[in-house]
Structure formats: structure tokens, C-alpha cells
Amino acid sequence: MSSLLAIYGQLPILVREKIDEQVDNVLVHTKATVRLLITDMNYTSDTYQGLDGDRDAQDEVETAVRFFPGILSKKCMIYNEYDDDVERIYPILKIAKPFSIDGCSRCNIKALPFLILLARLGTEIGHFKEEEIGGLVPTHYQGYNVMEHLAHGIHRTINDTTEHQQLVHNLFRVVLQQLKEIGLMEKDDILKYDLVRHACCYDDGSNYTESRLRFFIDWDPASLSRPIECEGVWSGTLPLHRVIIYNCNIQLFQSVFKAGIMHFPKKKGMCLLFTNKDIFDRTPFKAACEQFGRDKVMKVVENTIADCYSDNNNNNNIIPYNPVDAFLTAVLDKNIHLDCAYFFLRRHPDILKKLVPSSAENDEGITGTNDNINTGLLKNTTAIATVAVTVPVPIPATTNPKKRKRNEDEDEDDINDGYKNNKK
């Protein structure tokens, strides 16, 4: 062939035209082959012609795609089971989207290792709009994009095998980490596409769900206290709500609660148990008690707190919480149920006693300066209740509540950063 092309210019024009036709045919067939390579998802078929990590090298696939760059943005058809119709989506979304085989939820584990390559090429070649991020963002009929599918995992059915679950989970985690490392997925995307909620949606095995969920929470700890803004059963819920309501898994509940303490150890982490209510007027703690039983939940909560704040647990590298500060936060924050204040009182019966001397120092006319008088006041139940309510809060009356809240978060974020740096 090379020798024929070497004398191409010396051949008669009719011969050259025939060669040109054959070259055109070769290009057409080669392009079709490359397109099939990145769109065929039926990896269990004997006639499968799609990507295969055991057969195809990354650089080989990159060479083929760069020669025919348009195939990345040329949409392919999928079946829309909701409308009993077909829909066109980008090839990269087709790779990430699970599909059903014999009643089991499946992903193309042979093509998934190439998802990062296709995303990178999609942004470099420039055949997508900038906001489409190489095809990662556009959705299909179910309303999910690539990042949301990776957060979801795959739905576990009775016919599923642990082996496939493990393979898909490992691949999804690798892809998520690589998207983060090369900058195609940013921290803001966690909020923008509600990836923490998506990570709670499928129970594909507690270990798999937990790993993906912690990936997003550790990257964006603020998501732990950020309620979802939507209508329906998820309205106003936190991640703690969602692992109870959807996953019904106490191990996952414990993991998310522990993440809250690790990232916000001073007070906010423990208060998350009693923060916000779902549409059934339940805090995470109340929902957990209804789902798992109060005794079981209390055991998990106490064990988690003991483990996180243990003097022997040096790996945590966190500062012990201040019971008084946590109690005051529980009393003053309207989003925190008063059950939280009661929770701290039960754990630390001397909280009110610690508050009274503070009041004495700031208001000598009420409590006097004599320690004996203070001690006598503590023995009076009515006086205790009065002091607890009238304890002066060290915040000026003119302070902007939104600004104060932001400052508190920033203060806790400093501890959070220390925890994350220690993890690395």
C-alpha cells in the first residue's frame, strides 16, 4: 500500500480517482468503527465492539478520537423507558448511565476506565460548549448528568452479585477522584448538582454508598448542614435525614454523624442530630429512633462521641467540644430542636452551674460577689431556670445574624481544615 501511494502522482487520473474513492470509503468505515467503539454498551454480548480496558490502550483510543474529534459530540440513541421512545445523548453520558440486563442494574465496566480520557479530550478539542464541560453536564430523560450518575452508583437488586457491585464502585470512586484532580469537577459542583443527596439515593451496599458519600462530605463539609431546597419528602432534610429515610442503614447513619463531629468538633457536629426537620416534623435523631429504636440509636451516638473525643484516638486530631457553648447554641439557634439542649443537659448536668458564675461576674447586683451566695442559688430550681434563660449572650444586639452565622462557620472551618490536612 505504501509503495502504491509513493507513485500515486504518476498514475493516470482515472486510477487516482479510484484510489481516492477507496480512501474515502476507508475513512468513512474507520470513523464508523471508532464511533461504535465509544458507543457500544452491550459489553456482555459476544459481538461487543466497544471500549475494553483489557484490550485497548488509553493512548490508542486517544489517537483514534483525535483523528475523528466530532464523534464525541455526536449524540447516540438510547431507549427512553418512561416515554417508550428514543432519546439522543452524548457518548460519555451513555458510558456513565446504568442500564438493565436480566433485571439487574449494570454499568459498562469495560468502558468506564476511559471516561476520564473522553472528558478530557472533550474539553481540549473544543466541540462542546464551555458550560457542558466536555459532555459531563448535559442530562438525559431522567434528568441526570455524568457526575450525578457517578454519585448515585447503581441500584442493588436481588439478582445482583457482590463482584459486579465492587467493580462498579471501585471504578466510580477512581473516576470521581480523577475528575477532581484534573479540575473537571469542582467543589461548587457538589452544591450545584446536589451530589450529596444523589449519593444517598441508592442502597448499593453500605460500604459502597458510604465511600462515595464521604468523598463528597470530606470535600465539602458544609453539605452536612445544608438542607435540600425542593418539594416533596426531601424538603428541608440534611444528609443525616436521607441516610435514615432512604438507606435505612444505621452504619451509614453513624458514619455521617461521625463525619459531622470530625469536621465540626466544637459544637455544630453534635447539634446536627437535632437540626432541621423533615416533612414529618422529625429531626434526624427522632427519625433514627423511629427507624432503628431509641436504645440502639443512643448506643451508636454515645459510642461515636466516645470514639471521636477519645484521648487515645490521636488520628482524629480534633479539639474536644465545649458543652456550655454547645448548649447555648442549641438554645439560641432556631433551627435546632430543644431536644438538643436536653441532650447536653443529660450528658453534662453541671452545665447550668457553669453558667451561673459567668452571670455573677457580669451582673454583680443580681448574684452578688460571694461564692456561697452563688452556691445557694444553684440549689434553687426556679433560680436555675431563670438564670438559664437570662444568661447574657456575648453578641451585641446590633450584630447581623447572617454575618454572625458566617463567622461561626468560618471559625469551625479552621478546625475542619486541620482535620483534612491531617487526613492527607
Protein backbone atom coordinates (compact mmCIF):
# COMPACT_ATOMS: atom_id res chain seq x y z
CA MET A 1 0.00 0.00 0.00
CA SER A 2 2.81 2.39 0.87
CA SER A 3 4.53 1.67 -2.45
CA LEU A 4 1.28 2.42 -4.31
CA LEU A 5 0.88 5.74 -2.54
CA ALA A 6 4.52 6.55 -3.37
CA ILE A 7 3.73 6.50 -7.11
CA TYR A 8 0.23 7.98 -6.71
CA GLY A 9 1.10 11.20 -8.56
CA GLN A 10 2.48 9.28 -11.54
CA LEU A 11 -0.71 7.27 -12.09
CA PRO A 12 -3.42 8.05 -14.65
CA ILE A 13 -6.19 10.31 -13.40
CA LEU A 14 -8.86 7.59 -13.53
CA VAL A 15 -6.70 5.33 -11.35
CA ARG A 16 -6.10 8.17 -8.90
CA GLU A 17 -9.86 8.83 -8.71
CA LYS A 18 -10.50 5.16 -7.85
CA ILE A 19 -7.84 5.30 -5.14
CA ASP A 20 -9.43 8.47 -3.75
CA GLU A 21 -12.81 6.72 -3.61
CA GLN A 22 -11.31 3.80 -1.73
CA VAL A 23 -9.55 6.15 0.69
CA ASP A 24 -12.83 7.96 1.31
CA ASN A 25 -14.52 4.63 1.95
CA VAL A 26 -11.77 3.64 4.36
CA LEU A 27 -12.19 6.91 6.27
CA VAL A 28 -15.96 6.51 6.44
CA HIS A 29 -15.72 2.91 7.69
CA THR A 30 -12.93 3.77 10.11
CA LYS A 31 -14.92 6.66 11.57
CA ALA A 32 -17.95 4.38 11.99
CA THR A 33 -15.75 1.82 13.75
CA VAL A 34 -14.33 4.43 16.13
CA ARG A 35 -17.83 5.75 16.84
CA LEU A 36 -19.06 2.24 17.62
CA LEU A 37 -16.02 1.82 19.86
CA ILE A 38 -17.23 4.57 22.22
CA THR A 39 -20.99 3.97 21.95
CA ASP A 40 -21.47 0.18 22.15
CA MET A 41 -22.53 -0.56 25.74
CA ASN A 42 -23.65 -4.18 25.43
CA TYR A 43 -20.43 -5.45 26.96
CA THR A 44 -21.82 -8.89 27.80
CA SER A 45 -22.57 -9.70 24.15
CA ASP A 46 -20.31 -11.90 22.05
CA THR A 47 -20.49 -9.24 19.33
CA TYR A 48 -19.44 -6.37 21.63
CA GLN A 49 -17.28 -3.84 19.75
CA GLY A 50 -16.98 -1.13 22.40
CA LEU A 51 -14.11 0.03 24.57
CA ASP A 52 -12.31 -2.60 26.62
CA GLY A 53 -9.74 -1.74 29.25
CA ASP A 54 -8.20 -5.19 28.94
CA ARG A 55 -7.67 -4.78 25.20
CA ASP A 56 -7.40 -1.09 24.32
CA ALA A 57 -4.62 1.23 25.44
CA GLN A 58 -5.51 4.78 26.53
CA ASP A 59 -3.08 6.35 24.03
CA GLU A 60 -4.50 4.25 21.19
CA VAL A 61 -8.04 5.39 21.94
CA GLU A 62 -6.85 8.99 22.24
CA THR A 63 -5.21 8.81 18.80
CA ALA A 64 -8.40 7.46 17.24
CA VAL A 65 -10.64 10.08 18.88
CA ARG A 66 -8.33 12.96 18.00
CA PHE A 67 -8.44 11.89 14.35
CA PHE A 68 -12.26 11.92 14.43
CA PRO A 69 -12.99 14.52 17.16
CA GLY A 70 -16.57 15.09 16.09
CA ILE A 71 -17.67 11.68 17.36
CA LEU A 72 -17.50 12.90 20.97
CA SER A 73 -20.23 15.49 20.42
CA LYS A 74 -22.32 13.41 18.02
CA LYS A 75 -25.23 12.13 20.07
CA CYS A 76 -26.27 8.49 20.09
CA MET A 77 -29.67 6.95 20.72
CA ILE A 78 -30.89 5.35 23.93
CA TYR A 79 -34.28 3.93 24.80
CA ASN A 80 -36.49 6.18 26.93
CA GLU A 81 -38.42 3.72 29.08
CA TYR A 82 -40.65 6.45 30.54
CA ASP A 83 -42.00 7.70 27.22
CA ASP A 84 -41.45 4.45 25.31
CA ASP A 85 -39.35 6.38 22.84
CA VAL A 86 -35.73 7.02 21.95
CA GLU A 87 -33.53 9.90 23.03
CA ARG A 88 -30.17 11.18 21.87
CA ILE A 89 -27.37 11.73 24.39
CA TYR A 90 -23.60 12.23 24.28
CA PRO A 91 -21.46 9.05 24.27
CA ILE A 92 -19.76 9.95 27.57
CA LEU A 93 -23.16 10.09 29.32
CA LYS A 94 -24.08 6.74 27.81
CA ILE A 95 -20.97 5.23 29.40
CA ALA A 96 -21.88 6.55 32.86
CA LYS A 97 -25.58 5.70 32.69
CA PRO A 98 -26.58 2.33 34.24
CA PHE A 99 -28.79 0.01 32.24
CA SER A 100 -30.73 -3.15 32.95
CA ILE A 101 -29.73 -6.67 31.93
CA ASP A 102 -31.97 -9.56 33.02
CA GLY A 103 -33.45 -7.47 35.80
CA CYS A 104 -30.06 -6.35 37.14
CA SER A 105 -28.66 -2.82 37.12
CA ARG A 106 -25.41 -2.76 35.18
CA CYS A 107 -22.69 -0.36 34.04
CA ASN A 108 -20.21 -0.94 31.24
CA ILE A 109 -17.22 -1.81 33.40
CA LYS A 110 -15.11 -2.31 30.28
CA ALA A 111 -15.67 1.27 29.04
CA LEU A 112 -15.72 3.13 32.39
CA PRO A 113 -11.89 3.34 32.62
CA PHE A 114 -11.95 5.56 29.51
CA LEU A 115 -14.49 8.08 30.83
CA ILE A 116 -11.80 10.46 32.12
CA LEU A 117 -9.95 10.34 28.80
CA LEU A 118 -13.11 11.20 26.85
CA ALA A 119 -13.99 14.02 29.26
CA ARG A 120 -10.50 15.50 28.98
CA LEU A 121 -10.49 15.26 25.19
CA GLY A 122 -13.96 16.78 25.08
CA THR A 123 -12.72 19.91 26.86
CA GLU A 124 -9.46 20.09 24.90
CA ILE A 125 -10.82 19.56 21.40
CA GLY A 126 -13.50 22.20 21.82
CA HIS A 127 -16.53 20.52 20.24
CA PHE A 128 -18.67 21.24 23.33
CA LYS A 129 -19.95 24.46 24.83
CA GLU A 130 -17.83 25.63 27.75
CA GLU A 131 -20.64 25.05 30.25
CA GLU A 132 -21.03 21.44 29.08
CA ILE A 133 -17.56 20.55 30.48
CA GLY A 134 -16.68 18.10 27.74
CA GLY A 135 -20.09 16.41 27.90
CA LEU A 136 -20.15 15.87 31.69
CA VAL A 137 -23.07 18.20 32.43
CA PRO A 138 -25.83 17.62 29.82
CA THR A 139 -28.55 15.29 31.11
CA HIS A 140 -30.84 12.61 29.68
CA TYR A 141 -34.56 11.95 30.14
CA GLN A 142 -34.18 11.04 33.82
CA GLY A 143 -32.51 14.39 34.45
CA TYR A 144 -29.08 13.07 35.48
CA ASN A 145 -25.68 14.09 34.18
CA VAL A 146 -22.41 12.14 34.38
CA MET A 147 -21.43 13.48 37.81
CA GLU A 148 -24.85 12.66 39.23
CA HIS A 149 -24.67 9.10 37.89
CA LEU A 150 -21.25 8.65 39.46
CA ALA A 151 -22.65 9.91 42.78
CA HIS A 152 -25.66 7.60 42.52
CA GLY A 153 -23.84 4.36 42.00
CA ILE A 154 -26.08 1.58 40.73
CA HIS A 155 -29.26 0.27 42.29
CA ARG A 156 -28.84 -3.08 44.01
CA THR A 157 -31.42 -5.74 43.15
CA ILE A 158 -31.95 -9.25 44.45
CA ASN A 159 -30.19 -10.69 41.40
CA ASP A 160 -27.07 -8.56 41.69
CA THR A 161 -23.71 -10.03 42.54
CA THR A 162 -21.27 -8.57 45.04
CA GLU A 163 -18.48 -8.86 42.49
CA HIS A 164 -20.16 -6.53 39.99
CA GLN A 165 -21.11 -4.10 42.76
CA GLN A 166 -17.49 -3.94 43.90
CA LEU A 167 -16.15 -3.44 40.39
CA VAL A 168 -18.57 -0.60 39.63
CA HIS A 169 -17.96 1.07 42.98
CA ASN A 170 -14.17 0.96 42.59
CA LEU A 171 -14.37 2.38 39.08
CA PHE A 172 -16.79 5.14 40.11
CA ARG A 173 -14.54 6.18 43.00
CA VAL A 174 -11.47 6.27 40.76
CA VAL A 175 -13.32 8.36 38.15
CA LEU A 176 -14.65 10.79 40.78
CA GLN A 177 -11.17 11.24 42.26
CA GLN A 178 -9.62 11.80 38.84
CA LEU A 179 -12.29 14.32 37.84
CA LYS A 180 -11.44 16.22 40.99
CA GLU A 181 -7.68 16.03 40.42
CA ILE A 182 -7.77 17.29 36.83
CA GLY A 183 -10.25 20.05 37.71
CA LEU A 184 -13.22 18.90 35.64
CA MET A 185 -15.29 18.56 38.81
CA GLU A 186 -15.09 21.37 41.36
CA LYS A 187 -16.25 21.80 44.93
CA ASP A 188 -19.09 24.07 43.82
CA ASP A 189 -20.49 21.22 41.72
CA ILE A 190 -21.39 19.35 44.91
CA LEU A 191 -23.95 22.02 45.76
CA LYS A 192 -24.87 22.85 42.17
CA TYR A 193 -25.84 19.26 41.31
CA ASP A 194 -26.77 18.19 44.86
CA LEU A 195 -24.27 15.33 44.73
CA VAL A 196 -24.54 14.51 48.44
CA ARG A 197 -28.26 13.82 48.03
CA HIS A 198 -27.59 11.71 44.96
CA ALA A 199 -25.02 9.70 46.90
CA CYS A 200 -27.76 8.80 49.41
CA CYS A 201 -30.31 7.71 46.83
CA TYR A 202 -29.23 4.15 46.02
CA ASP A 203 -28.52 1.49 48.59
CA ASP A 204 -25.88 -0.41 46.65
CA GLY A 205 -24.29 -1.76 49.79
CA SER A 206 -23.48 0.34 52.83
CA ASN A 207 -19.72 0.29 52.28
CA TYR A 208 -20.04 1.48 48.69
CA THR A 209 -22.56 4.23 49.46
CA GLU A 210 -20.56 5.33 52.49
CA SER A 211 -17.37 5.67 50.49
CA ARG A 212 -18.94 7.90 47.82
CA LEU A 213 -20.87 9.90 50.41
CA ARG A 214 -17.76 10.56 52.49
CA PHE A 215 -15.90 11.58 49.33
CA PHE A 216 -18.31 14.50 48.82
CA ILE A 217 -18.74 15.33 52.53
CA ASP A 218 -15.00 15.43 53.20
CA TRP A 219 -14.55 17.67 50.16
CA ASP A 220 -17.43 19.97 51.11
CA PRO A 221 -18.17 19.62 54.87
CA ALA A 222 -20.74 22.44 54.71
CA SER A 223 -23.01 19.99 52.88
CA LEU A 224 -23.63 18.26 56.22
CA SER A 225 -25.68 21.21 57.49
CA ARG A 226 -27.12 22.36 54.17
CA PRO A 227 -30.82 21.42 53.81
CA ILE A 228 -32.06 20.50 50.39
CA GLU A 229 -34.35 23.03 48.76
CA CYS A 230 -37.03 21.13 46.92
CA GLU A 231 -40.62 19.98 47.20
CA GLY A 232 -41.69 16.61 48.49
CA VAL A 233 -40.26 14.16 51.00
CA TRP A 234 -36.70 15.55 50.78
CA SER A 235 -37.68 19.15 51.52
CA GLY A 236 -35.53 20.66 54.28
CA THR A 237 -33.67 17.44 55.00
CA LEU A 238 -29.99 17.01 55.83
CA PRO A 239 -27.71 14.11 54.81
CA LEU A 240 -28.42 12.56 58.22
CA HIS A 241 -32.13 12.52 57.37
CA ARG A 242 -31.55 11.00 53.99
CA VAL A 243 -29.41 8.05 55.07
CA ILE A 244 -32.17 7.18 57.54
CA ILE A 245 -35.18 7.73 55.30
CA TYR A 246 -33.78 6.24 52.10
CA ASN A 247 -30.98 3.88 53.04
CA CYS A 248 -32.40 2.68 56.39
CA ASN A 249 -28.87 1.79 57.38
CA ILE A 250 -27.64 2.55 60.89
CA GLN A 251 -23.99 2.02 59.89
CA LEU A 252 -24.36 4.78 57.30
CA PHE A 253 -26.13 6.97 59.86
CA GLN A 254 -23.19 6.50 62.24
CA SER A 255 -20.67 7.32 59.50
CA VAL A 256 -22.38 10.61 58.57
CA PHE A 257 -22.80 11.60 62.23
CA LYS A 258 -19.11 10.88 62.82
CA ALA A 259 -18.17 12.98 59.79
CA GLY A 260 -20.10 15.88 61.30
CA ILE A 261 -18.16 15.64 64.56
CA MET A 262 -14.82 15.27 62.79
CA HIS A 263 -15.37 18.34 60.63
CA PHE A 264 -17.21 20.46 63.22
CA PRO A 265 -16.00 19.22 66.61
CA LYS A 266 -16.64 22.26 68.81
CA LYS A 267 -20.44 22.18 68.81
CA LYS A 268 -22.05 22.09 65.38
CA GLY A 269 -21.23 18.44 64.67
CA MET A 270 -23.18 17.08 67.63
CA CYS A 271 -26.03 19.55 67.11
CA LEU A 272 -26.64 18.13 63.62
CA LEU A 273 -28.58 15.29 65.29
CA PHE A 274 -31.26 17.78 66.21
CA THR A 275 -31.01 20.28 63.35
CA ASN A 276 -33.84 20.82 60.85
CA LYS A 277 -36.99 18.75 60.43
CA ASP A 278 -38.36 16.70 57.57
CA ILE A 279 -41.93 16.99 56.28
CA PHE A 280 -42.99 14.66 59.09
CA ASP A 281 -41.68 17.12 61.70
CA ARG A 282 -38.76 14.86 62.62
CA THR A 283 -35.19 15.80 63.44
CA PRO A 284 -32.52 13.29 62.33
CA PHE A 285 -32.42 11.95 65.88
CA LYS A 286 -36.18 11.43 66.05
CA ALA A 287 -36.26 9.83 62.60
CA ALA A 288 -33.42 7.50 63.59
CA CYS A 289 -35.21 6.48 66.80
CA GLU A 290 -38.36 5.66 64.86
CA GLN A 291 -36.38 3.68 62.29
CA PHE A 292 -33.90 1.80 64.46
CA GLY A 293 -35.19 2.12 68.02
CA ARG A 294 -34.09 4.64 70.64
CA ASP A 295 -31.82 2.32 72.61
CA LYS A 296 -29.91 1.28 69.51
CA VAL A 297 -29.56 4.87 68.32
CA MET A 298 -28.36 6.11 71.71
CA LYS A 299 -25.75 3.36 71.81
CA VAL A 300 -24.47 4.35 68.37
CA VAL A 301 -24.44 8.05 69.29
CA GLU A 302 -22.61 7.53 72.58
CA ASN A 303 -20.06 5.15 71.02
CA THR A 304 -19.40 7.60 68.19
CA ILE A 305 -18.91 10.52 70.55
CA ALA A 306 -16.63 8.46 72.80
CA ASP A 307 -14.59 7.32 69.81
CA CYS A 308 -14.22 10.79 68.29
CA TYR A 309 -13.24 12.54 71.51
CA SER A 310 -11.14 9.73 72.97
CA ASP A 311 -7.75 10.80 74.29
CA ASN A 312 -6.28 7.68 72.76
CA ASN A 313 -7.58 8.44 69.28
CA ASN A 314 -4.72 10.64 68.08
CA ASN A 315 -5.59 10.18 64.42
CA ASN A 316 -8.66 12.38 64.78
CA ASN A 317 -6.61 15.46 65.71
CA ILE A 318 -9.74 17.33 66.84
CA ILE A 319 -10.44 19.69 69.72
CA PRO A 320 -12.93 18.45 72.36
CA TYR A 321 -16.26 20.23 72.22
CA ASN A 322 -17.27 22.80 74.82
CA PRO A 323 -20.51 21.59 76.47
CA VAL A 324 -21.50 25.12 77.53
CA ASP A 325 -21.03 26.58 74.05
CA ALA A 326 -22.83 23.63 72.51
CA PHE A 327 -25.71 24.02 74.99
CA LEU A 328 -26.06 27.74 74.27
CA THR A 329 -26.01 27.07 70.54
CA ALA A 330 -28.78 24.51 70.98
CA VAL A 331 -30.87 27.00 72.95
CA LEU A 332 -30.36 30.02 70.70
CA ASP A 333 -30.40 28.53 67.18
CA LYS A 334 -34.00 28.38 65.95
CA ASN A 335 -33.12 25.58 63.52
CA ILE A 336 -32.02 23.31 66.38
CA HIS A 337 -34.73 21.49 68.32
CA LEU A 338 -34.74 21.96 72.10
CA ASP A 339 -34.22 18.20 72.41
CA CYS A 340 -30.60 19.07 71.70
CA ALA A 341 -30.39 21.26 74.81
CA TYR A 342 -31.92 18.45 76.85
CA PHE A 343 -29.40 16.05 75.31
CA PHE A 344 -26.49 18.17 76.56
CA LEU A 345 -28.08 18.62 79.99
CA ARG A 346 -28.38 14.87 80.37
CA ARG A 347 -24.75 14.38 79.38
CA HIS A 348 -23.46 17.33 81.44
CA PRO A 349 -25.74 18.06 84.43
CA ASP A 350 -23.32 20.78 85.60
CA ILE A 351 -23.82 22.99 82.53
CA LEU A 352 -26.18 25.36 84.36
CA LYS A 353 -23.81 25.50 87.30
CA LYS A 354 -21.06 26.63 84.94
CA LEU A 355 -23.32 29.30 83.50
CA VAL A 356 -24.21 30.89 86.85
CA PRO A 357 -20.71 32.11 87.82
CA SER A 358 -20.45 33.67 84.38
CA SER A 359 -23.63 35.60 85.12
CA ALA A 360 -22.30 36.59 88.54
CA GLU A 361 -19.22 38.19 87.03
CA ASN A 362 -21.29 40.22 84.56
CA ASP A 363 -24.15 41.20 86.88
CA GLU A 364 -22.90 41.58 90.45
CA GLY A 365 -26.11 43.23 91.56
CA ILE A 366 -28.17 40.08 90.92
CA THR A 367 -25.97 37.27 92.16
CA GLY A 368 -23.57 39.09 94.45
CA THR A 369 -19.87 38.52 94.69
CA ASN A 370 -19.90 35.87 97.38
CA ASP A 371 -19.34 32.31 96.11
CA ASN A 372 -21.57 30.99 98.88
CA ILE A 373 -24.46 33.05 97.55
CA ASN A 374 -23.90 31.58 94.11
CA THR A 375 -23.87 28.07 95.51
CA GLY A 376 -27.10 28.73 97.33
CA LEU A 377 -28.67 29.99 94.11
CA LEU A 378 -27.81 26.78 92.35
CA LYS A 379 -29.84 24.82 94.85
CA ASN A 380 -32.95 26.76 93.92
CA THR A 381 -34.65 25.14 90.91
CA THR A 382 -36.60 28.23 89.99
CA ALA A 383 -33.50 30.39 90.12
CA ILE A 384 -31.65 27.98 87.88
CA ALA A 385 -34.36 28.15 85.26
CA THR A 386 -34.32 31.95 85.41
CA VAL A 387 -30.56 32.17 85.08
CA ALA A 388 -30.52 29.69 82.21
CA VAL A 389 -32.92 31.83 80.25
CA THR A 390 -31.36 35.19 81.08
CA VAL A 391 -27.71 34.32 80.60
CA PRO A 392 -26.24 37.22 78.61
CA VAL A 393 -25.08 36.15 75.19
CA PRO A 394 -21.73 37.64 74.18
CA ILE A 395 -23.14 39.03 70.93
CA PRO A 396 -24.07 42.73 70.52
CA ALA A 397 -27.73 43.41 69.81
CA THR A 398 -26.81 45.16 66.60
CA THR A 399 -24.94 42.16 65.24
CA ASN A 400 -26.22 41.00 61.88
CA PRO A 401 -27.46 37.38 62.40
CA LYS A 402 -26.35 36.32 58.94
CA LYS A 403 -22.88 37.76 59.50
CA ARG A 404 -22.66 36.15 62.94
CA LYS A 405 -23.59 32.78 61.45
CA ARG A 406 -20.98 33.16 58.77
CA ASN A 407 -18.31 33.96 61.35
CA GLU A 408 -19.21 30.87 63.36
CA ASP A 409 -18.89 28.72 60.27
CA GLU A 410 -15.56 30.25 59.41
CA ASP A 411 -14.32 29.56 62.93
CA GLU A 412 -15.28 25.93 62.64
CA ASP A 413 -13.90 25.65 59.15
CA ASP A 414 -10.45 26.40 60.60
CA ILE A 415 -10.72 23.20 62.65
CA ASN A 416 -12.10 21.38 59.67
CA ASP A 417 -9.10 22.35 57.57
CA GLY A 418 -6.81 21.00 60.25
CA TYR A 419 -8.64 17.70 60.23
CA LYS A 420 -8.47 17.43 56.43
CA ASN A 421 -4.78 18.28 56.38
CA ASN A 422 -4.15 15.63 58.98
CA LYS A 423 -6.05 13.08 56.87
CA LYS A 424 -3.79 13.74 53.93
